[in-house]
């Protein structure tokens, strides 16, 4: 039922129901699927691409290869791609299985001790967060979709010039 409601929300609810460009990114602390601590606030100084997704969400799964390719291409320049999975906690084995195909870290939203992103009204949704912790872009299928080109347009202006 939860899957159906979130998919319907993708069609009927405007993106304005989500965080807006220019907002300070909310707090997010937890453990990644591989047991490493994650604290979004501690990543100031880096550009973070935060993708909210779920295993049952087809559009989410379709954009994950582009996120992975982008993470591999821009990781050395200080960009961190992170997945925030919206599955129920008992689905952790399925989430781990999906993430084995990708190089970027992920954590589960419902098990994060601090998650002020709350449950999104649409999935997938991706936030580009600048080095000061401000949301600079929001990508989602009904607006600007996640592609390597769209990620590049959103992220490269936020990076320091290469020598």
Protein backbone atom coordinates (compact mmCIF):
# COMPACT_ATOMS: atom_id res chain seq x y z
CA UNK A 1 0.00 0.00 0.00
CA UNK A 2 2.84 2.39 0.90
CA UNK A 3 4.39 1.80 -2.54
CA UNK A 4 1.12 2.60 -4.30
CA UNK A 5 0.61 5.81 -2.33
CA UNK A 6 4.12 7.08 -3.02
CA UNK A 7 3.83 6.28 -6.72
CA UNK A 8 0.51 8.11 -6.90
CA UNK A 9 2.11 11.04 -5.12
CA UNK A 10 4.69 11.22 -7.88
CA UNK A 11 1.90 11.95 -10.34
CA UNK A 12 -0.39 14.16 -8.27
CA UNK A 13 1.70 16.15 -5.81
CA UNK A 14 3.80 19.11 -6.90
CA UNK A 15 7.51 19.26 -6.22
CA UNK A 16 6.81 22.29 -4.02
CA UNK A 17 5.80 19.86 -1.28
CA UNK A 18 9.49 18.93 -0.99
CA UNK A 19 12.42 20.97 0.22
CA UNK A 20 13.16 23.95 -1.97
CA UNK A 21 16.32 25.13 -3.66
CA UNK A 22 17.91 27.64 -1.30
CA UNK A 23 16.82 25.79 1.86
CA UNK A 24 19.45 24.62 4.30
CA UNK A 25 19.69 20.84 4.10
CA UNK A 26 18.07 19.17 7.10
CA UNK A 27 20.02 17.03 9.55
CA UNK A 28 20.74 13.43 8.62
CA UNK A 29 22.80 11.07 10.80
CA UNK A 30 22.95 7.31 10.74
CA UNK A 31 24.93 4.28 9.72
CA UNK A 32 25.50 3.35 6.11
CA UNK A 33 24.64 -0.16 4.99
CA UNK A 34 28.31 -1.08 5.34
CA UNK A 35 28.36 0.07 8.99
CA UNK A 36 30.12 3.41 8.59
CA UNK A 37 28.83 6.49 10.43
CA UNK A 38 27.21 9.14 8.26
CA UNK A 39 26.56 12.74 9.29
CA UNK A 40 25.47 15.15 6.56
CA UNK A 41 26.50 18.18 8.65
CA UNK A 42 30.06 16.82 8.91
CA UNK A 43 30.32 16.91 5.11
CA UNK A 44 30.44 20.70 4.89
CA UNK A 45 33.14 21.57 2.41
CA UNK A 46 31.97 18.81 0.03
CA UNK A 47 29.20 18.78 -2.53
CA UNK A 48 26.67 16.06 -1.67
CA UNK A 49 24.20 14.47 -4.06
CA UNK A 50 21.53 12.90 -1.85
CA UNK A 51 19.16 10.52 -3.62
CA UNK A 52 15.96 9.45 -1.85
CA UNK A 53 14.84 6.11 -3.31
CA UNK A 54 13.27 2.72 -2.62
CA UNK A 55 13.79 -0.76 -4.04
CA UNK A 56 10.15 -1.02 -5.19
CA UNK A 57 10.30 2.31 -7.09
CA UNK A 58 10.93 1.71 -10.79
CA UNK A 59 12.02 5.28 -11.62
CA UNK A 60 14.40 5.12 -8.63
CA UNK A 61 16.09 1.99 -9.92
CA UNK A 62 16.33 3.42 -13.45
CA UNK A 63 18.38 6.45 -12.36
CA UNK A 64 20.79 4.58 -10.05
CA UNK A 65 23.31 3.70 -12.81
CA UNK A 66 23.61 7.41 -13.70
CA UNK A 67 24.16 8.28 -10.04
CA UNK A 68 26.81 5.57 -9.77
CA UNK A 69 28.64 6.72 -12.90
CA UNK A 70 28.55 10.30 -11.63
CA UNK A 71 29.88 9.22 -8.21
CA UNK A 72 32.80 7.42 -9.85
CA UNK A 73 33.53 10.33 -12.18
CA UNK A 74 33.35 13.15 -9.62
CA UNK A 75 34.34 11.48 -6.33
CA UNK A 76 37.96 12.57 -6.69
CA UNK A 77 36.76 16.18 -6.97
CA UNK A 78 35.06 16.04 -3.56
CA UNK A 79 31.54 15.07 -4.64
CA UNK A 80 29.79 12.47 -2.51
CA UNK A 81 26.73 10.64 -3.84
CA UNK A 82 24.62 9.05 -1.10
CA UNK A 83 21.43 7.01 -1.26
CA UNK A 84 18.75 7.43 1.40
CA UNK A 85 16.52 4.39 1.13
CA UNK A 86 12.85 4.74 2.06
CA UNK A 87 12.06 1.01 2.44
CA UNK A 88 10.78 -0.39 5.71
CA UNK A 89 13.61 -1.51 8.05
CA UNK A 90 12.73 -5.20 7.62
CA UNK A 91 13.65 -4.86 3.92
CA UNK A 92 17.33 -4.24 4.69
CA UNK A 93 18.48 -7.47 3.00
CA UNK A 94 16.78 -6.44 -0.25
CA UNK A 95 18.26 -2.94 -0.02
CA UNK A 96 21.75 -4.37 0.56
CA UNK A 97 21.30 -6.68 -2.43
CA UNK A 98 20.36 -3.79 -4.73
CA UNK A 99 23.23 -1.62 -3.50
CA UNK A 100 25.86 -4.30 -4.23
CA UNK A 101 25.70 -3.18 -7.86
CA UNK A 102 26.64 0.41 -6.98
CA UNK A 103 29.74 2.07 -5.55
CA UNK A 104 28.16 4.90 -3.57
CA UNK A 105 27.05 4.50 0.07
CA UNK A 106 23.46 4.27 1.25
CA UNK A 107 21.62 4.35 4.52
CA UNK A 108 18.07 3.55 5.47
CA UNK A 109 15.87 6.51 6.35
CA UNK A 110 13.79 4.75 8.99
CA UNK A 111 16.78 3.48 10.97
CA UNK A 112 18.68 6.79 10.96
CA UNK A 113 18.59 8.23 14.50
CA UNK A 114 18.41 11.72 12.99
CA UNK A 115 16.49 12.14 9.74
CA UNK A 116 14.93 15.54 9.29
CA UNK A 117 14.28 14.87 5.60
CA UNK A 118 11.19 12.95 6.77
CA UNK A 119 9.25 10.73 4.42
CA UNK A 120 9.21 12.29 0.96
CA UNK A 121 5.96 12.79 -0.90
CA UNK A 122 7.61 11.79 -4.17
CA UNK A 123 10.23 9.23 -5.10
CA UNK A 124 12.79 9.43 -6.44
CA UNK A 125 14.00 12.85 -5.48
CA UNK A 126 17.60 13.97 -5.49
CA UNK A 127 19.04 16.99 -3.76
CA UNK A 128 22.34 18.63 -4.71
CA UNK A 129 23.74 20.18 -1.54
CA UNK A 130 26.60 22.66 -1.79
CA UNK A 131 29.72 22.85 0.37
CA UNK A 132 27.95 25.15 2.86
CA UNK A 133 24.98 22.80 3.35
CA UNK A 134 22.46 24.63 1.13
CA UNK A 135 20.26 22.81 -1.39
CA UNK A 136 21.23 24.10 -4.84
CA UNK A 137 19.22 21.75 -7.06
CA UNK A 138 16.35 19.29 -6.85
CA UNK A 139 16.03 16.60 -9.49
CA UNK A 140 13.02 14.33 -9.97
CA UNK A 141 11.36 12.57 -12.92
CA UNK A 142 8.48 15.02 -13.39
CA UNK A 143 10.82 18.04 -13.30
CA UNK A 144 14.51 17.82 -14.07
CA UNK A 145 15.31 14.10 -14.13
CA UNK A 146 18.53 12.55 -12.88
CA UNK A 147 20.89 12.05 -15.79
CA UNK A 148 24.64 12.40 -15.86
CA UNK A 149 24.24 15.59 -17.90
CA UNK A 150 21.72 17.13 -15.47
CA UNK A 151 23.90 16.17 -12.49
CA UNK A 152 26.88 17.75 -14.19
CA UNK A 153 24.94 20.99 -14.82
CA UNK A 154 23.87 21.13 -11.18
CA UNK A 155 27.15 20.11 -9.55
CA UNK A 156 30.07 21.48 -11.59
CA UNK A 157 29.31 25.16 -10.86
CA UNK A 158 29.59 24.29 -7.15
CA UNK A 159 33.07 22.78 -7.44
CA UNK A 160 36.34 24.65 -7.13
CA UNK A 161 38.13 25.25 -10.41
CA UNK A 162 40.56 22.49 -11.33
CA UNK A 163 44.22 23.54 -11.60
